Amino acid sequence: MRFSRQVRAELFEWTQRKLTLAMKRPARQAQKVASDYPLIAEVLETPPPFDLARETEQRCHRRLQSEQRMRALHARVWRESRRDYFGATEEQRELIRSAWNDWTGPTTSLYFRYVVDLHTGVMEARSERFRVAEQQRRLQARATRSAQQEILLD
């Protein structure tokens, strides 16, 4: 089966536009506080001044965390898809293989999950669970609303 490699995120670089916006952020935040709360603006805490090193470190850290989360998601989905694929019958596997070979979209684990779910019936079972849960939430909301109306009418 064919899959696209997940490209690693490139390193963070400051462009002139990013740097200008980041340097002006404390002033913009202070102006927003002053316009939103004019009577107490001088009492409220002012935003800290811009620190290039700290901001660079935070942005690099957030980028790495985001990439790790996405890679973990793709790995989890890939493991679940393989489990369901190998748990399927031979006829279902043949349908999945042919559908995946005909697939013209991105060849990632998330789309493979869709193809596997579609042909194994997992998608329908998940949809049914969501429908039942949604129905339970609606019934509970109606019960809460009627209880509140009873309190208001007393």
N, C-alpha and C. Protein backbone atom coordinates (compact mmCIF):
# COMPACT_ATOMS: atom_id res chain seq x y z
N MET A 1 0.85 -1.19 0.00
CA MET A 1 0.00 0.00 0.00
C MET A 1 0.89 1.24 0.00
N ARG A 2 0.37 2.29 -0.54
CA ARG A 2 1.15 3.52 -0.69
C ARG A 2 0.78 4.52 0.40
N PHE A 3 1.78 5.18 0.96
CA PHE A 3 1.57 6.20 1.98
C PHE A 3 2.53 7.35 1.75
N SER A 4 2.08 8.54 2.09
CA SER A 4 2.94 9.72 1.98
C SER A 4 3.77 9.85 3.26
N ARG A 5 5.02 10.22 3.10
CA ARG A 5 5.86 10.47 4.27
C ARG A 5 5.42 11.76 4.92
N GLN A 6 5.44 11.76 6.23
CA GLN A 6 5.10 12.97 6.96
C GLN A 6 6.36 13.81 7.10
N VAL A 7 6.35 14.98 6.53
CA VAL A 7 7.52 15.84 6.52
C VAL A 7 7.68 16.50 7.89
N ARG A 8 8.91 16.57 8.35
CA ARG A 8 9.19 17.25 9.61
C ARG A 8 9.03 18.75 9.44
N ALA A 9 8.60 19.40 10.51
CA ALA A 9 8.42 20.85 10.46
C ALA A 9 9.78 21.53 10.36
N GLU A 10 9.82 22.59 9.62
CA GLU A 10 11.08 23.32 9.47
C GLU A 10 11.31 24.18 10.72
N LEU A 11 12.54 24.59 10.91
CA LEU A 11 12.89 25.40 12.07
C LEU A 11 12.23 26.77 11.99
N PHE A 12 11.99 27.34 13.15
CA PHE A 12 11.34 28.65 13.20
C PHE A 12 12.32 29.73 12.79
N GLU A 13 11.86 30.64 11.96
CA GLU A 13 12.67 31.78 11.55
C GLU A 13 11.86 33.05 11.70
N TRP A 14 12.52 34.08 12.15
CA TRP A 14 11.88 35.39 12.25
C TRP A 14 11.92 36.06 10.89
N THR A 15 10.74 36.42 10.38
CA THR A 15 10.70 37.29 9.21
C THR A 15 10.54 38.71 9.74
N GLN A 16 10.74 39.68 8.90
CA GLN A 16 10.62 41.07 9.34
C GLN A 16 9.20 41.36 9.81
N ARG A 17 8.23 40.80 9.11
CA ARG A 17 6.82 41.03 9.48
C ARG A 17 6.50 40.40 10.83
N LYS A 18 6.93 39.14 11.05
CA LYS A 18 6.70 38.48 12.33
C LYS A 18 7.35 39.25 13.47
N LEU A 19 8.58 39.69 13.24
CA LEU A 19 9.31 40.41 14.28
C LEU A 19 8.64 41.74 14.61
N THR A 20 8.21 42.46 13.60
CA THR A 20 7.53 43.74 13.83
C THR A 20 6.24 43.55 14.61
N LEU A 21 5.45 42.55 14.21
CA LEU A 21 4.19 42.30 14.93
C LEU A 21 4.44 41.86 16.37
N ALA A 22 5.44 41.02 16.58
CA ALA A 22 5.74 40.55 17.93
C ALA A 22 6.23 41.70 18.82
N MET A 23 7.04 42.60 18.25
CA MET A 23 7.56 43.71 19.04
C MET A 23 6.46 44.70 19.40
N LYS A 24 5.44 44.83 18.55
CA LYS A 24 4.36 45.80 18.81
C LYS A 24 3.22 45.19 19.64
N ARG A 25 3.27 43.88 19.92
CA ARG A 25 2.19 43.23 20.66
C ARG A 25 1.94 43.85 22.04
N PRO A 26 2.97 44.10 22.87
CA PRO A 26 2.68 44.70 24.19
C PRO A 26 1.95 46.04 24.08
N ALA A 27 2.32 46.86 23.11
CA ALA A 27 1.63 48.15 22.93
C ALA A 27 0.19 47.94 22.49
N ARG A 28 -0.03 46.97 21.61
CA ARG A 28 -1.40 46.68 21.16
C ARG A 28 -2.25 46.16 22.32
N GLN A 29 -1.66 45.29 23.15
CA GLN A 29 -2.40 44.76 24.29
C GLN A 29 -2.74 45.86 25.29
N ALA A 30 -1.79 46.75 25.54
CA ALA A 30 -2.04 47.86 26.47
C ALA A 30 -3.12 48.78 25.92
N GLN A 31 -3.09 49.03 24.63
CA GLN A 31 -4.11 49.89 24.02
C GLN A 31 -5.48 49.23 24.09
N LYS A 32 -5.55 47.92 23.90
CA LYS A 32 -6.82 47.20 23.99
C LYS A 32 -7.39 47.27 25.40
N VAL A 33 -6.53 47.07 26.40
CA VAL A 33 -6.99 47.16 27.79
C VAL A 33 -7.48 48.57 28.08
N ALA A 34 -6.76 49.58 27.60
CA ALA A 34 -7.18 50.97 27.83
C ALA A 34 -8.51 51.28 27.16
N SER A 35 -8.75 50.73 25.99
CA SER A 35 -10.01 51.02 25.31
C SER A 35 -11.15 50.18 25.88
N ASP A 36 -10.87 48.95 26.34
CA ASP A 36 -11.92 48.10 26.90
C ASP A 36 -12.31 48.49 28.32
N TYR A 37 -11.32 48.93 29.11
CA TYR A 37 -11.55 49.26 30.51
C TYR A 37 -10.98 50.64 30.83
N PRO A 38 -11.57 51.70 30.30
CA PRO A 38 -10.96 53.03 30.45
C PRO A 38 -10.91 53.52 31.89
N LEU A 39 -11.84 53.11 32.75
CA LEU A 39 -11.87 53.62 34.11
C LEU A 39 -10.83 52.96 35.02
N ILE A 40 -10.44 51.74 34.69
CA ILE A 40 -9.50 51.03 35.56
C ILE A 40 -8.24 50.60 34.83
N ALA A 41 -7.97 51.17 33.67
CA ALA A 41 -6.83 50.75 32.86
C ALA A 41 -5.51 50.93 33.59
N GLU A 42 -5.36 52.02 34.36
CA GLU A 42 -4.09 52.26 35.04
C GLU A 42 -3.87 51.31 36.22
N VAL A 43 -4.94 50.68 36.71
CA VAL A 43 -4.83 49.74 37.82
C VAL A 43 -4.44 48.35 37.32
N LEU A 44 -4.88 48.02 36.12
CA LEU A 44 -4.63 46.68 35.58
C LEU A 44 -3.16 46.49 35.23
N GLU A 45 -2.76 45.25 35.23
CA GLU A 45 -1.37 44.88 34.94
C GLU A 45 -1.03 45.19 33.49
N THR A 46 0.13 45.76 33.28
CA THR A 46 0.57 46.03 31.90
C THR A 46 1.28 44.80 31.35
N PRO A 47 1.18 44.57 30.06
CA PRO A 47 1.86 43.40 29.49
C PRO A 47 3.38 43.56 29.60
N PRO A 48 4.09 42.44 29.76
CA PRO A 48 5.56 42.53 29.88
C PRO A 48 6.17 43.01 28.57
N PRO A 49 7.33 43.64 28.64
CA PRO A 49 7.98 44.10 27.39
C PRO A 49 8.42 42.91 26.55
N PHE A 50 8.63 43.17 25.28
CA PHE A 50 9.00 42.12 24.34
C PHE A 50 10.42 41.64 24.61
N ASP A 51 10.59 40.32 24.69
CA ASP A 51 11.90 39.71 24.88
C ASP A 51 12.11 38.73 23.73
N LEU A 52 13.03 39.05 22.85
CA LEU A 52 13.23 38.26 21.63
C LEU A 52 13.64 36.83 21.94
N ALA A 53 14.54 36.63 22.87
CA ALA A 53 15.03 35.28 23.19
C ALA A 53 13.91 34.41 23.76
N ARG A 54 13.15 34.99 24.70
CA ARG A 54 12.05 34.23 25.32
C ARG A 54 10.97 33.90 24.29
N GLU A 55 10.64 34.85 23.44
CA GLU A 55 9.62 34.65 22.42
C GLU A 55 10.06 33.59 21.40
N THR A 56 11.32 33.62 21.03
CA THR A 56 11.85 32.62 20.09
C THR A 56 11.79 31.24 20.71
N GLU A 57 12.19 31.13 21.97
CA GLU A 57 12.15 29.84 22.65
C GLU A 57 10.72 29.31 22.76
N GLN A 58 9.77 30.18 23.12
CA GLN A 58 8.37 29.77 23.24
C GLN A 58 7.82 29.29 21.90
N ARG A 59 8.11 30.01 20.84
CA ARG A 59 7.59 29.63 19.52
C ARG A 59 8.19 28.31 19.04
N CYS A 60 9.48 28.12 19.27
CA CYS A 60 10.11 26.85 18.90
C CYS A 60 9.51 25.70 19.70
N HIS A 61 9.31 25.93 21.00
CA HIS A 61 8.74 24.90 21.87
C HIS A 61 7.32 24.54 21.44
N ARG A 62 6.50 25.56 21.15
CA ARG A 62 5.12 25.30 20.70
C ARG A 62 5.10 24.56 19.37
N ARG A 63 5.99 24.90 18.48
CA ARG A 63 6.05 24.23 17.18
C ARG A 63 6.42 22.76 17.37
N LEU A 64 7.40 22.48 18.22
CA LEU A 64 7.79 21.09 18.47
C LEU A 64 6.66 20.31 19.13
N GLN A 65 5.99 20.92 20.10
CA GLN A 65 4.86 20.26 20.76
C GLN A 65 3.76 19.94 19.76
N SER A 66 3.46 20.88 18.90
CA SER A 66 2.41 20.68 17.90
C SER A 66 2.78 19.54 16.97
N GLU A 67 4.03 19.51 16.53
CA GLU A 67 4.46 18.44 15.63
C GLU A 67 4.40 17.09 16.35
N GLN A 68 4.80 17.05 17.61
CA GLN A 68 4.76 15.79 18.36
C GLN A 68 3.33 15.29 18.52
N ARG A 69 2.41 16.22 18.81
CA ARG A 69 1.00 15.83 18.94
C ARG A 69 0.46 15.25 17.64
N MET A 70 0.78 15.90 16.51
CA MET A 70 0.29 15.42 15.23
C MET A 70 0.91 14.07 14.85
N ARG A 71 2.20 13.89 15.12
CA ARG A 71 2.85 12.62 14.82
C ARG A 71 2.27 11.52 15.69
N ALA A 72 1.97 11.83 16.96
CA ALA A 72 1.36 10.84 17.85
C ALA A 72 -0.05 10.49 17.37
N LEU A 73 -0.79 11.48 16.90
CA LEU A 73 -2.13 11.22 16.37
C LEU A 73 -2.04 10.30 15.15
N HIS A 74 -1.16 10.61 14.23
CA HIS A 74 -1.02 9.78 13.03
C HIS A 74 -0.59 8.36 13.40
N ALA A 75 0.31 8.23 14.36
CA ALA A 75 0.77 6.89 14.77
C ALA A 75 -0.37 6.10 15.40
N ARG A 76 -1.16 6.77 16.26
CA ARG A 76 -2.29 6.09 16.91
C ARG A 76 -3.32 5.65 15.87
N VAL A 77 -3.64 6.53 14.95
CA VAL A 77 -4.61 6.20 13.90
C VAL A 77 -4.08 5.07 13.02
N TRP A 78 -2.79 5.09 12.73
CA TRP A 78 -2.20 4.04 11.92
C TRP A 78 -2.30 2.69 12.63
N ARG A 79 -2.00 2.66 13.94
CA ARG A 79 -2.09 1.41 14.70
C ARG A 79 -3.53 0.89 14.73
N GLU A 80 -4.49 1.79 14.97
CA GLU A 80 -5.89 1.38 15.01
C GLU A 80 -6.35 0.87 13.64
N SER A 81 -5.91 1.54 12.59
CA SER A 81 -6.31 1.14 11.24
C SER A 81 -5.75 -0.23 10.90
N ARG A 82 -4.50 -0.46 11.24
CA ARG A 82 -3.89 -1.78 10.98
C ARG A 82 -4.61 -2.86 11.77
N ARG A 83 -4.96 -2.57 13.02
CA ARG A 83 -5.67 -3.55 13.85
C ARG A 83 -6.99 -3.91 13.19
N ASP A 84 -7.75 -2.92 12.74
CA ASP A 84 -9.04 -3.20 12.12
C ASP A 84 -8.88 -3.85 10.75
N TYR A 85 -7.83 -3.46 10.02
CA TYR A 85 -7.60 -4.04 8.70
C TYR A 85 -7.31 -5.53 8.83
N PHE A 86 -6.40 -5.89 9.73
CA PHE A 86 -6.04 -7.30 9.87
C PHE A 86 -7.11 -8.10 10.60
N GLY A 87 -8.04 -7.42 11.26
CA GLY A 87 -9.16 -8.09 11.90
C GLY A 87 -10.33 -8.31 10.96
N ALA A 88 -10.24 -7.72 9.78
CA ALA A 88 -11.33 -7.83 8.80
C ALA A 88 -11.24 -9.17 8.07
N THR A 89 -12.34 -9.52 7.43
CA THR A 89 -12.35 -10.75 6.62
C THR A 89 -11.53 -10.53 5.35
N GLU A 90 -11.22 -11.61 4.66
CA GLU A 90 -10.41 -11.51 3.44
C GLU A 90 -11.15 -10.71 2.36
N GLU A 91 -12.47 -10.86 2.27
CA GLU A 91 -13.24 -10.09 1.28
C GLU A 91 -13.18 -8.59 1.60
N GLN A 92 -13.30 -8.26 2.90
CA GLN A 92 -13.23 -6.85 3.29
C GLN A 92 -11.84 -6.28 3.01
N ARG A 93 -10.80 -7.08 3.27
CA ARG A 93 -9.44 -6.62 3.00
C ARG A 93 -9.22 -6.36 1.51
N GLU A 94 -9.80 -7.21 0.69
CA GLU A 94 -9.67 -7.01 -0.76
C GLU A 94 -10.38 -5.73 -1.19
N LEU A 95 -11.56 -5.47 -0.60
CA LEU A 95 -12.27 -4.21 -0.89
C LEU A 95 -11.45 -3.01 -0.43
N ILE A 96 -10.85 -3.12 0.74
CA ILE A 96 -10.04 -2.02 1.27
C ILE A 96 -8.83 -1.77 0.36
N ARG A 97 -8.14 -2.83 -0.04
CA ARG A 97 -6.97 -2.68 -0.92
C ARG A 97 -7.36 -2.03 -2.24
N SER A 98 -8.45 -2.48 -2.83
CA SER A 98 -8.83 -1.89 -4.12
C SER A 98 -9.28 -0.44 -3.95
N ALA A 99 -10.01 -0.16 -2.87
CA ALA A 99 -10.44 1.23 -2.63
C ALA A 99 -9.23 2.13 -2.37
N TRP A 100 -8.25 1.61 -1.64
CA TRP A 100 -7.06 2.41 -1.34
C TRP A 100 -6.23 2.65 -2.60
N ASN A 101 -6.15 1.65 -3.48
CA ASN A 101 -5.41 1.83 -4.73
C ASN A 101 -6.12 2.81 -5.66
N ASP A 102 -7.45 2.89 -5.57
CA ASP A 102 -8.21 3.82 -6.40
C ASP A 102 -8.29 5.22 -5.77
N TRP A 103 -7.87 5.33 -4.52
CA TRP A 103 -7.98 6.60 -3.78
C TRP A 103 -7.10 7.65 -4.42
N THR A 104 -7.68 8.82 -4.73
CA THR A 104 -6.92 9.89 -5.37
C THR A 104 -6.56 11.00 -4.39
N GLY A 105 -7.03 10.91 -3.16
CA GLY A 105 -6.74 11.93 -2.17
C GLY A 105 -5.38 11.71 -1.52
N PRO A 106 -5.12 12.48 -0.46
CA PRO A 106 -3.85 12.31 0.26
C PRO A 106 -3.72 10.90 0.83
N THR A 107 -2.53 10.37 0.81
CA THR A 107 -2.31 9.00 1.29
C THR A 107 -1.71 9.04 2.69
N THR A 108 -2.51 9.48 3.64
CA THR A 108 -2.07 9.55 5.04
C THR A 108 -2.84 8.53 5.85
N SER A 109 -2.43 8.39 7.10
CA SER A 109 -3.08 7.41 7.97
C SER A 109 -4.55 7.76 8.22
N LEU A 110 -4.86 9.05 8.26
CA LEU A 110 -6.24 9.46 8.53
C LEU A 110 -7.17 9.03 7.40
N TYR A 111 -6.72 9.15 6.16
CA TYR A 111 -7.55 8.73 5.04
C TYR A 111 -7.61 7.21 4.93
N PHE A 112 -6.50 6.55 5.29
CA PHE A 112 -6.53 5.09 5.31
C PHE A 112 -7.55 4.62 6.34
N ARG A 113 -7.61 5.33 7.48
CA ARG A 113 -8.58 5.01 8.52
C ARG A 113 -10.00 5.11 7.97
N TYR A 114 -10.26 6.15 7.18
CA TYR A 114 -11.57 6.33 6.58
C TYR A 114 -11.93 5.15 5.68
N VAL A 115 -10.98 4.74 4.83
CA VAL A 115 -11.25 3.63 3.91
C VAL A 115 -11.50 2.35 4.69
N VAL A 116 -10.69 2.08 5.72
CA VAL A 116 -10.87 0.87 6.52
C VAL A 116 -12.22 0.91 7.24
N ASP A 117 -12.53 2.05 7.84
CA ASP A 117 -13.81 2.18 8.56
C ASP A 117 -15.00 1.97 7.62
N LEU A 118 -14.89 2.49 6.44
CA LEU A 118 -15.97 2.41 5.48
C LEU A 118 -16.28 0.96 5.10
N HIS A 119 -15.27 0.16 4.94
CA HIS A 119 -15.47 -1.20 4.45
C HIS A 119 -15.58 -2.25 5.55
N THR A 120 -15.27 -1.91 6.79
CA THR A 120 -15.38 -2.90 7.87
C THR A 120 -16.63 -2.70 8.71
N GLY A 121 -17.33 -1.59 8.53
CA GLY A 121 -18.52 -1.34 9.32
C GLY A 121 -18.24 -0.61 10.62
N VAL A 122 -16.98 -0.30 10.89
CA VAL A 122 -16.62 0.41 12.11
C VAL A 122 -17.22 1.81 12.11
N MET A 123 -17.26 2.44 10.94
CA MET A 123 -17.80 3.80 10.84
C MET A 123 -19.28 3.84 11.23
N GLU A 124 -20.03 2.86 10.78
CA GLU A 124 -21.45 2.83 11.11
C GLU A 124 -21.66 2.59 12.60
N ALA A 125 -20.87 1.71 13.19
CA ALA A 125 -20.98 1.46 14.63
C ALA A 125 -20.63 2.72 15.42
N ARG A 126 -19.58 3.43 15.01
CA ARG A 126 -19.20 4.67 15.69
C ARG A 126 -20.29 5.72 15.54
N SER A 127 -20.85 5.83 14.35
CA SER A 127 -21.93 6.79 14.12
C SER A 127 -23.14 6.47 14.99
N GLU A 128 -23.44 5.21 15.13
CA GLU A 128 -24.57 4.81 15.98
C GLU A 128 -24.32 5.17 17.43
N ARG A 129 -23.08 4.96 17.91
CA ARG A 129 -22.74 5.34 19.28
C ARG A 129 -22.89 6.84 19.48
N PHE A 130 -22.45 7.63 18.51
CA PHE A 130 -22.58 9.08 18.60
C PHE A 130 -24.05 9.50 18.58
N ARG A 131 -24.87 8.84 17.75
CA ARG A 131 -26.29 9.18 17.70
C ARG A 131 -26.96 8.89 19.04
N VAL A 132 -26.63 7.76 19.65
CA VAL A 132 -27.22 7.40 20.95
C VAL A 132 -26.77 8.39 22.02
N ALA A 133 -25.48 8.74 22.01
CA ALA A 133 -24.98 9.70 23.00
C ALA A 133 -25.64 11.07 22.82
N GLU A 134 -25.82 11.49 21.57
CA GLU A 134 -26.47 12.78 21.31
C GLU A 134 -27.92 12.75 21.76
N GLN A 135 -28.59 11.66 21.54
CA GLN A 135 -29.97 11.54 22.00
C GLN A 135 -30.04 11.61 23.52
N GLN A 136 -29.10 10.99 24.21
CA GLN A 136 -29.06 11.06 25.67
C GLN A 136 -28.82 12.49 26.15
N ARG A 137 -27.92 13.21 25.48
CA ARG A 137 -27.67 14.61 25.86
C ARG A 137 -28.91 15.46 25.66
N ARG A 138 -29.62 15.23 24.57
CA ARG A 138 -30.84 16.01 24.31
C ARG A 138 -31.92 15.72 25.34
N LEU A 139 -32.07 14.43 25.70
CA LEU A 139 -33.06 14.08 26.73
C LEU A 139 -32.70 14.72 28.06
N GLN A 140 -31.43 14.71 28.40
CA GLN A 140 -31.00 15.32 29.65
C GLN A 140 -31.21 16.83 29.62
N ALA A 141 -30.96 17.46 28.48
CA ALA A 141 -31.18 18.90 28.37
C ALA A 141 -32.66 19.23 28.51
N ARG A 142 -33.53 18.40 27.92
CA ARG A 142 -34.98 18.63 28.07
C ARG A 142 -35.41 18.48 29.52
N ALA A 143 -34.87 17.47 30.19
CA ALA A 143 -35.22 17.26 31.60
C ALA A 143 -34.76 18.44 32.45
N THR A 144 -33.57 18.93 32.19
CA THR A 144 -33.05 20.08 32.93
C THR A 144 -33.90 21.31 32.66
N ARG A 145 -34.26 21.52 31.41
CA ARG A 145 -35.06 22.69 31.04
C ARG A 145 -36.44 22.62 31.69
N SER A 146 -37.05 21.44 31.69
CA SER A 146 -38.38 21.34 32.31
C SER A 146 -38.29 21.53 33.83
N ALA A 147 -37.21 21.06 34.44
CA ALA A 147 -37.03 21.26 35.88
C ALA A 147 -36.84 22.74 36.19
N GLN A 148 -36.12 23.45 35.35
CA GLN A 148 -35.94 24.88 35.56
C GLN A 148 -37.24 25.64 35.36
N GLN A 149 -38.05 25.22 34.39
CA GLN A 149 -39.34 25.89 34.17
C GLN A 149 -40.25 25.68 35.37
N GLU A 150 -40.22 24.49 35.96
CA GLU A 150 -41.03 24.23 37.14
C GLU A 150 -40.64 25.14 38.30
N ILE A 151 -39.34 25.36 38.45
CA ILE A 151 -38.86 26.23 39.52
C ILE A 151 -39.31 27.66 39.27
N LEU A 152 -39.24 28.11 38.01
CA LEU A 152 -39.64 29.47 37.70
C LEU A 152 -41.14 29.68 37.86
N LEU A 153 -41.93 28.64 37.61
CA LEU A 153 -43.38 28.79 37.69
C LEU A 153 -43.89 28.73 39.13
N ASP A 154 -43.10 28.21 40.03
CA ASP A 154 -43.54 28.13 41.45
C ASP A 154 -43.59 29.46 42.10
